[in-house]
Amino acid sequence: MMRWDTKQMAGRAASIATIWGVSHLLSSAGGRKVAQKVDRKFDRAQLRTAMSVRRGARNARRNRGWLAAGVATLAIATAMLTRAARKG
């Protein structure tokens, strides 16, 4: 037989009531308006991020020589730092 703890039952009831309250609040006219505003902000930020990634990829494609030079520079610098750390 399973015994129910009062604290545990109160916690479950509170979490269910909280979920119901939030969903009820969001389904009201004011809640829907706020939710739409938040969604628009999120969509705008997501769009900005996607555009930035596309712009970076396009710039990398258009400047392959510079990209290769930058990667080579990083590889040389890493090799020099590794070598200096081993000597020290």
PDB file of N, CA and C in Angstrom:
ATOM      1  N   MET A   1       0.837  -1.180   0.000  1.00  0.00           N
ATOM      2  CA  MET A   1       0.000   0.000   0.000  1.00  0.00           C
ATOM      3  C   MET A   1       0.888   1.251   0.000  1.00  0.00           C
ATOM      4  N   MET A   2       0.518   2.230  -0.829  1.00  0.00           N
ATOM      5  CA  MET A   2       1.325   3.427  -0.955  1.00  0.00           C
ATOM      6  C   MET A   2       0.757   4.519  -0.052  1.00  0.00           C
ATOM      7  N   ARG A   3       1.638   5.162   0.692  1.00  0.00           N
ATOM      8  CA  ARG A   3       1.200   6.242   1.578  1.00  0.00           C
ATOM      9  C   ARG A   3       1.476   7.574   0.901  1.00  0.00           C
ATOM     10  N   TRP A   4       0.548   8.486   1.029  1.00  0.00           N
ATOM     11  CA  TRP A   4       0.682   9.792   0.423  1.00  0.00           C
ATOM     12  C   TRP A   4       1.189  10.780   1.449  1.00  0.00           C
ATOM     13  N   ASP A   5       2.206  11.506   1.056  1.00  0.00           N
ATOM     14  CA  ASP A   5       2.768  12.545   1.908  1.00  0.00           C
ATOM     15  C   ASP A   5       2.019  13.848   1.630  1.00  0.00           C
ATOM     16  N   THR A   6       1.602  14.543   2.671  1.00  0.00           N
ATOM     17  CA  THR A   6       0.827  15.777   2.518  1.00  0.00           C
ATOM     18  C   THR A   6       1.623  16.837   1.768  1.00  0.00           C
ATOM     19  N   LYS A   7       2.897  16.967   2.076  1.00  0.00           N
ATOM     20  CA  LYS A   7       3.749  17.960   1.416  1.00  0.00           C
ATOM     21  C   LYS A   7       3.867  17.654  -0.074  1.00  0.00           C
ATOM     22  N   GLN A   8       4.022  16.387  -0.387  1.00  0.00           N
ATOM     23  CA  GLN A   8       4.148  15.974  -1.771  1.00  0.00           C
ATOM     24  C   GLN A   8       2.844  16.257  -2.530  1.00  0.00           C
ATOM     25  N   MET A   9       1.717  15.940  -1.932  1.00  0.00           N
ATOM     26  CA  MET A   9       0.424  16.174  -2.572  1.00  0.00           C
ATOM     27  C   MET A   9       0.174  17.674  -2.762  1.00  0.00           C
ATOM     28  N   ALA A  10       0.546  18.479  -1.760  1.00  0.00           N
ATOM     29  CA  ALA A  10       0.366  19.930  -1.875  1.00  0.00           C
ATOM     30  C   ALA A  10       1.233  20.483  -3.000  1.00  0.00           C
ATOM     31  N   GLY A  11       2.449  19.972  -3.123  1.00  0.00           N
ATOM     32  CA  GLY A  11       3.339  20.412  -4.206  1.00  0.00           C
ATOM     33  C   GLY A  11       2.780  20.077  -5.567  1.00  0.00           C
ATOM     34  N   ARG A  12       2.231  18.871  -5.702  1.00  0.00           N
ATOM     35  CA  ARG A  12       1.639  18.481  -6.988  1.00  0.00           C
ATOM     36  C   ARG A  12       0.417  19.337  -7.307  1.00  0.00           C
ATOM     37  N   ALA A  13      -0.404  19.573  -6.311  1.00  0.00           N
ATOM     38  CA  ALA A  13      -1.596  20.386  -6.533  1.00  0.00           C
ATOM     39  C   ALA A  13      -1.214  21.819  -6.898  1.00  0.00           C
ATOM     40  N   ALA A  14      -0.188  22.348  -6.267  1.00  0.00           N
ATOM     41  CA  ALA A  14       0.251  23.713  -6.555  1.00  0.00           C
ATOM     42  C   ALA A  14       0.797  23.810  -7.974  1.00  0.00           C
ATOM     43  N   SER A  15       1.557  22.809  -8.402  1.00  0.00           N
ATOM     44  CA  SER A  15       2.112  22.864  -9.754  1.00  0.00           C
ATOM     45  C   SER A  15       1.002  22.758 -10.790  1.00  0.00           C
ATOM     46  N   ILE A  16      -0.002  21.931 -10.539  1.00  0.00           N
ATOM     47  CA  ILE A  16      -1.127  21.808 -11.471  1.00  0.00           C
ATOM     48  C   ILE A  16      -1.903  23.118 -11.521  1.00  0.00           C
ATOM     49  N   ALA A  17      -2.117  23.722 -10.360  1.00  0.00           N
ATOM     50  CA  ALA A  17      -2.848  24.989 -10.311  1.00  0.00           C
ATOM     51  C   ALA A  17      -2.065  26.095 -11.017  1.00  0.00           C
ATOM     52  N   THR A  18      -0.753  26.081 -10.882  1.00  0.00           N
ATOM     53  CA  THR A  18       0.080  27.086 -11.549  1.00  0.00           C
ATOM     54  C   THR A  18      -0.005  26.940 -13.058  1.00  0.00           C
ATOM     55  N   ILE A  19       0.087  25.714 -13.544  1.00  0.00           N
ATOM     56  CA  ILE A  19       0.000  25.468 -14.992  1.00  0.00           C
ATOM     57  C   ILE A  19      -1.367  25.910 -15.511  1.00  0.00           C
ATOM     58  N   TRP A  20      -2.429  25.571 -14.779  1.00  0.00           N
ATOM     59  CA  TRP A  20      -3.776  25.972 -15.186  1.00  0.00           C
ATOM     60  C   TRP A  20      -3.883  27.500 -15.210  1.00  0.00           C
ATOM     61  N   GLY A  21      -3.343  28.156 -14.195  1.00  0.00           N
ATOM     62  CA  GLY A  21      -3.431  29.608 -14.122  1.00  0.00           C
ATOM     63  C   GLY A  21      -2.694  30.294 -15.257  1.00  0.00           C
ATOM     64  N   VAL A  22      -1.507  29.809 -15.562  1.00  0.00           N
ATOM     65  CA  VAL A  22      -0.723  30.416 -16.651  1.00  0.00           C
ATOM     66  C   VAL A  22      -1.423  30.195 -17.983  1.00  0.00           C
ATOM     67  N   SER A  23      -1.926  28.990 -18.225  1.00  0.00           N
ATOM     68  CA  SER A  23      -2.611  28.724 -19.494  1.00  0.00           C
ATOM     69  C   SER A  23      -3.895  29.552 -19.593  1.00  0.00           C
ATOM     70  N   HIS A  24      -4.596  29.714 -18.493  1.00  0.00           N
ATOM     71  CA  HIS A  24      -5.809  30.532 -18.476  1.00  0.00           C
ATOM     72  C   HIS A  24      -5.458  32.000 -18.743  1.00  0.00           C
ATOM     73  N   LEU A  25      -4.386  32.466 -18.164  1.00  0.00           N
ATOM     74  CA  LEU A  25      -3.947  33.843 -18.359  1.00  0.00           C
ATOM     75  C   LEU A  25      -3.555  34.091 -19.814  1.00  0.00           C
ATOM     76  N   LEU A  26      -2.831  33.121 -20.413  1.00  0.00           N
ATOM     77  CA  LEU A  26      -2.383  33.290 -21.798  1.00  0.00           C
ATOM     78  C   LEU A  26      -3.528  33.184 -22.792  1.00  0.00           C
ATOM     79  N   SER A  27      -4.621  32.519 -22.400  1.00  0.00           N
ATOM     80  CA  SER A  27      -5.745  32.388 -23.325  1.00  0.00           C
ATOM     81  C   SER A  27      -6.668  33.604 -23.277  1.00  0.00           C
ATOM     82  N   SER A  28      -6.461  34.498 -22.325  1.00  0.00           N
ATOM     83  CA  SER A  28      -7.269  35.721 -22.271  1.00  0.00           C
ATOM     84  C   SER A  28      -6.805  36.678 -23.360  1.00  0.00           C
ATOM     85  N   ALA A  29      -7.597  37.719 -23.618  1.00  0.00           N
ATOM     86  CA  ALA A  29      -7.275  38.667 -24.690  1.00  0.00           C
ATOM     87  C   ALA A  29      -5.941  39.365 -24.426  1.00  0.00           C
ATOM     88  N   GLY A  30      -5.745  39.841 -23.205  1.00  0.00           N
ATOM     89  CA  GLY A  30      -4.489  40.517 -22.861  1.00  0.00           C
ATOM     90  C   GLY A  30      -3.306  39.579 -22.936  1.00  0.00           C
ATOM     91  N   GLY A  31      -3.513  38.342 -22.505  1.00  0.00           N
ATOM     92  CA  GLY A  31      -2.431  37.352 -22.542  1.00  0.00           C
ATOM     93  C   GLY A  31      -2.023  37.010 -23.958  1.00  0.00           C
ATOM     94  N   ARG A  32      -3.027  36.898 -24.836  1.00  0.00           N
ATOM     95  CA  ARG A  32      -2.714  36.609 -26.242  1.00  0.00           C
ATOM     96  C   ARG A  32      -1.914  37.753 -26.861  1.00  0.00           C
ATOM     97  N   LYS A  33      -2.288  38.989 -26.496  1.00  0.00           N
ATOM     98  CA  LYS A  33      -1.588  40.160 -27.028  1.00  0.00           C
ATOM     99  C   LYS A  33      -0.124  40.159 -26.591  1.00  0.00           C
ATOM    100  N   VAL A  34       0.105  39.874 -25.317  1.00  0.00           N
ATOM    101  CA  VAL A  34       1.474  39.837 -24.791  1.00  0.00           C
ATOM    102  C   VAL A  34       2.253  38.692 -25.441  1.00  0.00           C
ATOM    103  N   ALA A  35       1.610  37.531 -25.593  1.00  0.00           N
ATOM    104  CA  ALA A  35       2.286  36.386 -26.201  1.00  0.00           C
ATOM    105  C   ALA A  35       2.677  36.692 -27.647  1.00  0.00           C
ATOM    106  N   GLN A  36       1.791  37.363 -28.382  1.00  0.00           N
ATOM    107  CA  GLN A  36       2.109  37.729 -29.760  1.00  0.00           C
ATOM    108  C   GLN A  36       3.269  38.714 -29.829  1.00  0.00           C
ATOM    109  N   LYS A  37       3.316  39.641 -28.880  1.00  0.00           N
ATOM    110  CA  LYS A  37       4.410  40.625 -28.840  1.00  0.00           C
ATOM    111  C   LYS A  37       5.744  39.921 -28.585  1.00  0.00           C
ATOM    112  N   VAL A  38       5.742  38.979 -27.645  1.00  0.00           N
ATOM    113  CA  VAL A  38       6.958  38.219 -27.347  1.00  0.00           C
ATOM    114  C   VAL A  38       7.368  37.396 -28.567  1.00  0.00           C
ATOM    115  N   ASP A  39       6.390  36.769 -29.230  1.00  0.00           N
ATOM    116  CA  ASP A  39       6.686  35.977 -30.425  1.00  0.00           C
ATOM    117  C   ASP A  39       7.295  36.840 -31.522  1.00  0.00           C
ATOM    118  N   ARG A  40       6.759  38.053 -31.699  1.00  0.00           N
ATOM    119  CA  ARG A  40       7.314  38.941 -32.730  1.00  0.00           C
ATOM    120  C   ARG A  40       8.763  39.303 -32.421  1.00  0.00           C
ATOM    121  N   LYS A  41       9.041  39.591 -31.141  1.00  0.00           N
ATOM    122  CA  LYS A  41      10.422  39.922 -30.751  1.00  0.00           C
ATOM    123  C   LYS A  41      11.346  38.743 -31.014  1.00  0.00           C
ATOM    124  N   PHE A  42      10.892  37.547 -30.645  1.00  0.00           N
ATOM    125  CA  PHE A  42      11.707  36.348 -30.835  1.00  0.00           C
ATOM    126  C   PHE A  42      11.938  36.094 -32.320  1.00  0.00           C
ATOM    127  N   ASP A  43      10.872  36.229 -33.130  1.00  0.00           N
ATOM    128  CA  ASP A  43      11.004  36.016 -34.569  1.00  0.00           C
ATOM    129  C   ASP A  43      11.961  37.018 -35.185  1.00  0.00           C
ATOM    130  N   ARG A  44      11.894  38.269 -34.723  1.00  0.00           N
ATOM    131  CA  ARG A  44      12.784  39.311 -35.244  1.00  0.00           C
ATOM    132  C   ARG A  44      14.244  38.971 -34.916  1.00  0.00           C
ATOM    133  N   ALA A  45      14.485  38.552 -33.679  1.00  0.00           N
ATOM    134  CA  ALA A  45      15.850  38.204 -33.269  1.00  0.00           C
ATOM    135  C   ALA A  45      16.346  36.992 -34.057  1.00  0.00           C
ATOM    136  N   GLN A  46      15.458  36.020 -34.258  1.00  0.00           N
ATOM    137  CA  GLN A  46      15.843  34.822 -35.004  1.00  0.00           C
ATOM    138  C   GLN A  46      16.155  35.186 -36.460  1.00  0.00           C
ATOM    139  N   LEU A  47      15.361  36.074 -37.039  1.00  0.00           N
ATOM    140  CA  LEU A  47      15.591  36.516 -38.413  1.00  0.00           C
ATOM    141  C   LEU A  47      16.923  37.244 -38.530  1.00  0.00           C
ATOM    142  N   ARG A  48      17.197  38.133 -37.551  1.00  0.00           N
ATOM    143  CA  ARG A  48      18.469  38.857 -37.558  1.00  0.00           C
ATOM    144  C   ARG A  48      19.652  37.899 -37.482  1.00  0.00           C
ATOM    145  N   THR A  49      19.554  36.891 -36.630  1.00  0.00           N
ATOM    146  CA  THR A  49      20.630  35.912 -36.485  1.00  0.00           C
ATOM    147  C   THR A  49      20.828  35.132 -37.779  1.00  0.00           C
ATOM    148  N   ALA A  50      19.727  34.690 -38.391  1.00  0.00           N
ATOM    149  CA  ALA A  50      19.822  33.939 -39.646  1.00  0.00           C
ATOM    150  C   ALA A  50      20.440  34.784 -40.745  1.00  0.00           C
ATOM    151  N   MET A  51      20.053  36.057 -40.812  1.00  0.00           N
ATOM    152  CA  MET A  51      20.624  36.942 -41.824  1.00  0.00           C
ATOM    153  C   MET A  51      22.112  37.151 -41.593  1.00  0.00           C
ATOM    154  N   SER A  52      22.507  37.254 -40.337  1.00  0.00           N
ATOM    155  CA  SER A  52      23.917  37.445 -40.006  1.00  0.00           C
ATOM    156  C   SER A  52      24.740  36.223 -40.415  1.00  0.00           C
ATOM    157  N   VAL A  53      24.210  35.040 -40.161  1.00  0.00           N
ATOM    158  CA  VAL A  53      24.922  33.811 -40.543  1.00  0.00           C
ATOM    159  C   VAL A  53      25.041  33.721 -42.058  1.00  0.00           C
ATOM    160  N   ARG A  54      23.926  34.030 -42.763  1.00  0.00           N
ATOM    161  CA  ARG A  54      23.978  34.004 -44.230  1.00  0.00           C
ATOM    162  C   ARG A  54      24.985  35.009 -44.769  1.00  0.00           C
ATOM    163  N   ARG A  55      25.017  36.214 -44.168  1.00  0.00           N
ATOM    164  CA  ARG A  55      25.945  37.252 -44.603  1.00  0.00           C
ATOM    165  C   ARG A  55      27.389  36.796 -44.387  1.00  0.00           C
ATOM    166  N   GLY A  56      27.648  36.164 -43.244  1.00  0.00           N
ATOM    167  CA  GLY A  56      28.995  35.668 -42.967  1.00  0.00           C
ATOM    168  C   GLY A  56      29.424  34.589 -43.946  1.00  0.00           C
ATOM    169  N   ALA A  57      28.502  33.679 -44.259  1.00  0.00           N
ATOM    170  CA  ALA A  57      28.816  32.621 -45.224  1.00  0.00           C
ATOM    171  C   ALA A  57      29.063  33.208 -46.605  1.00  0.00           C
ATOM    172  N   ARG A  58      28.243  34.179 -46.995  1.00  0.00           N
ATOM    173  CA  ARG A  58      28.420  34.827 -48.299  1.00  0.00           C
ATOM    174  C   ARG A  58      29.757  35.558 -48.367  1.00  0.00           C
ATOM    175  N   ASN A  59      30.106  36.270 -47.304  1.00  0.00           N
ATOM    176  CA  ASN A  59      31.386  36.977 -47.268  1.00  0.00           C
ATOM    177  C   ASN A  59      32.551  35.998 -47.326  1.00  0.00           C
ATOM    178  N   ALA A  60      32.411  34.850 -46.643  1.00  0.00           N
ATOM    179  CA  ALA A  60      33.487  33.857 -46.672  1.00  0.00           C
ATOM    180  C   ALA A  60      33.650  33.285 -48.076  1.00  0.00           C
ATOM    181  N   ARG A  61      32.527  33.055 -48.771  1.00  0.00           N
ATOM    182  CA  ARG A  61      32.614  32.531 -50.139  1.00  0.00           C
ATOM    183  C   ARG A  61      33.246  33.545 -51.082  1.00  0.00           C
ATOM    184  N   ARG A  62      32.913  34.810 -50.885  1.00  0.00           N
ATOM    185  CA  ARG A  62      33.423  35.843 -51.786  1.00  0.00           C
ATOM    186  C   ARG A  62      34.880  36.205 -51.505  1.00  0.00           C
ATOM    187  N   ASN A  63      35.375  35.875 -50.332  1.00  0.00           N
ATOM    188  CA  ASN A  63      36.746  36.239 -49.959  1.00  0.00           C
ATOM    189  C   ASN A  63      37.525  35.000 -49.525  1.00  0.00           C
ATOM    190  N   ARG A  64      37.539  33.998 -50.380  1.00  0.00           N
ATOM    191  CA  ARG A  64      38.181  32.722 -50.025  1.00  0.00           C
ATOM    192  C   ARG A  64      39.669  32.881 -49.768  1.00  0.00           C
ATOM    193  N   GLY A  65      40.304  33.755 -50.505  1.00  0.00           N
ATOM    194  CA  GLY A  65      41.744  33.970 -50.311  1.00  0.00           C
ATOM    195  C   GLY A  65      42.037  34.503 -48.914  1.00  0.00           C
ATOM    196  N   TRP A  66      41.270  35.500 -48.515  1.00  0.00           N
ATOM    197  CA  TRP A  66      41.463  36.069 -47.179  1.00  0.00           C
ATOM    198  C   TRP A  66      41.130  35.045 -46.102  1.00  0.00           C
ATOM    199  N   LEU A  67      40.094  34.242 -46.348  1.00  0.00           N
ATOM    200  CA  LEU A  67      39.718  33.210 -45.391  1.00  0.00           C
ATOM    201  C   LEU A  67      40.843  32.193 -45.228  1.00  0.00           C
ATOM    202  N   ALA A  68      41.420  31.780 -46.346  1.00  0.00           N
ATOM    203  CA  ALA A  68      42.525  30.820 -46.299  1.00  0.00           C
ATOM    204  C   ALA A  68      43.736  31.426 -45.587  1.00  0.00           C
ATOM    205  N   ALA A  69      44.003  32.694 -45.858  1.00  0.00           N
ATOM    206  CA  ALA A  69      45.135  33.351 -45.196  1.00  0.00           C
ATOM    207  C   ALA A  69      44.900  33.436 -43.687  1.00  0.00           C
ATOM    208  N   GLY A  70      43.680  33.720 -43.284  1.00  0.00           N
ATOM    209  CA  GLY A  70      43.362  33.799 -41.857  1.00  0.00           C
ATOM    210  C   GLY A  70      43.502  32.450 -41.167  1.00  0.00           C
ATOM    211  N   VAL A  71      43.020  31.406 -41.822  1.00  0.00           N
ATOM    212  CA  VAL A  71      43.146  30.058 -41.250  1.00  0.00           C
ATOM    213  C   VAL A  71      44.615  29.667 -41.154  1.00  0.00           C
ATOM    214  N   ALA A  72      45.392  29.971 -42.178  1.00  0.00           N
ATOM    215  CA  ALA A  72      46.818  29.657 -42.150  1.00  0.00           C
ATOM    216  C   ALA A  72      47.522  30.421 -41.031  1.00  0.00           C
ATOM    217  N   THR A  73      47.150  31.669 -40.842  1.00  0.00           N
ATOM    218  CA  THR A  73      47.737  32.480 -39.770  1.00  0.00           C
ATOM    219  C   THR A  73      47.438  31.864 -38.405  1.00  0.00           C
ATOM    220  N   LEU A  74      46.201  31.446 -38.214  1.00  0.00           N
ATOM    221  CA  LEU A  74      45.842  30.816 -36.941  1.00  0.00           C
ATOM    222  C   LEU A  74      46.612  29.515 -36.722  1.00  0.00           C
ATOM    223  N   ALA A  75      46.771  28.728 -37.776  1.00  0.00           N
ATOM    224  CA  ALA A  75      47.512  27.467 -37.651  1.00  0.00           C
ATOM    225  C   ALA A  75      48.977  27.736 -37.297  1.00  0.00           C
ATOM    226  N   ILE A  76      49.585  28.713 -37.948  1.00  0.00           N
ATOM    227  CA  ILE A  76      50.991  29.044 -37.670  1.00  0.00           C
ATOM    228  C   ILE A  76      51.138  29.564 -36.240  1.00  0.00           C
ATOM    229  N   ALA A  77      50.215  30.439 -35.820  1.00  0.00           N
ATOM    230  CA  ALA A  77      50.285  30.984 -34.461  1.00  0.00           C
ATOM    231  C   ALA A  77      50.126  29.884 -33.417  1.00  0.00           C
ATOM    232  N   THR A  78      49.217  28.951 -33.659  1.00  0.00           N
ATOM    233  CA  THR A  78      49.025  27.831 -32.726  1.00  0.00           C
ATOM    234  C   THR A  78      50.277  26.977 -32.650  1.00  0.00           C
ATOM    235  N   ALA A  79      50.885  26.706 -33.801  1.00  0.00           N
ATOM    236  CA  ALA A  79      52.109  25.905 -33.825  1.00  0.00           C
ATOM    237  C   ALA A  79      53.239  26.608 -33.075  1.00  0.00           C
ATOM    238  N   MET A  80      53.364  27.924 -33.266  1.00  0.00           N
ATOM    239  CA  MET A  80      54.423  28.672 -32.583  1.00  0.00           C
ATOM    240  C   MET A  80      54.191  28.696 -31.072  1.00  0.00           C
ATOM    241  N   LEU A  81      52.944  28.880 -30.647  1.00  0.00           N
ATOM    242  CA  LEU A  81      52.655  28.874 -29.212  1.00  0.00           C
ATOM    243  C   LEU A  81      52.928  27.502 -28.603  1.00  0.00           C
ATOM    244  N   THR A  82      52.567  26.453 -29.316  1.00  0.00           N
ATOM    245  CA  THR A  82      52.816  25.086 -28.815  1.00  0.00           C
ATOM    246  C   THR A  82      54.309  24.844 -28.674  1.00  0.00           C
ATOM    247  N   ARG A  83      55.053  25.266 -29.672  1.00  0.00           N
ATOM    248  CA  ARG A  83      56.504  25.076 -29.629  1.00  0.00           C
ATOM    249  C   ARG A  83      57.139  25.877 -28.491  1.00  0.00           C
ATOM    250  N   ALA A  84      56.679  27.113 -28.302  1.00  0.00           N
ATOM    251  CA  ALA A  84      57.224  27.946 -27.232  1.00  0.00           C
ATOM    252  C   ALA A  84      56.876  27.358 -25.854  1.00  0.00           C
ATOM    253  N   ALA A  85      55.710  26.788 -25.737  1.00  0.00           N
ATOM    254  CA  ALA A  85      55.297  26.205 -24.445  1.00  0.00           C
ATOM    255  C   ALA A  85      56.108  24.968 -24.118  1.00  0.00           C
ATOM    256  N   ARG A  86      56.488  24.213 -25.111  1.00  0.00           N
ATOM    257  CA  ARG A  86      57.300  23.009 -24.864  1.00  0.00           C
ATOM    258  C   ARG A  86      58.702  23.369 -24.431  1.00  0.00           C
ATOM    259  N   LYS A  87      59.272  24.428 -24.953  1.00  0.00           N
ATOM    260  CA  LYS A  87      60.640  24.817 -24.609  1.00  0.00           C
ATOM    261  C   LYS A  87      60.713  25.354 -23.179  1.00  0.00           C
ATOM    262  N   GLY A  88      59.668  26.079 -22.777  1.00  0.00           N
ATOM    263  CA  GLY A  88      59.694  26.821 -21.531  1.00  0.00           C
ATOM    264  C   GLY A  88      59.645  25.990 -20.326  1.00  0.00           C
TER     265      GLY A  88
END
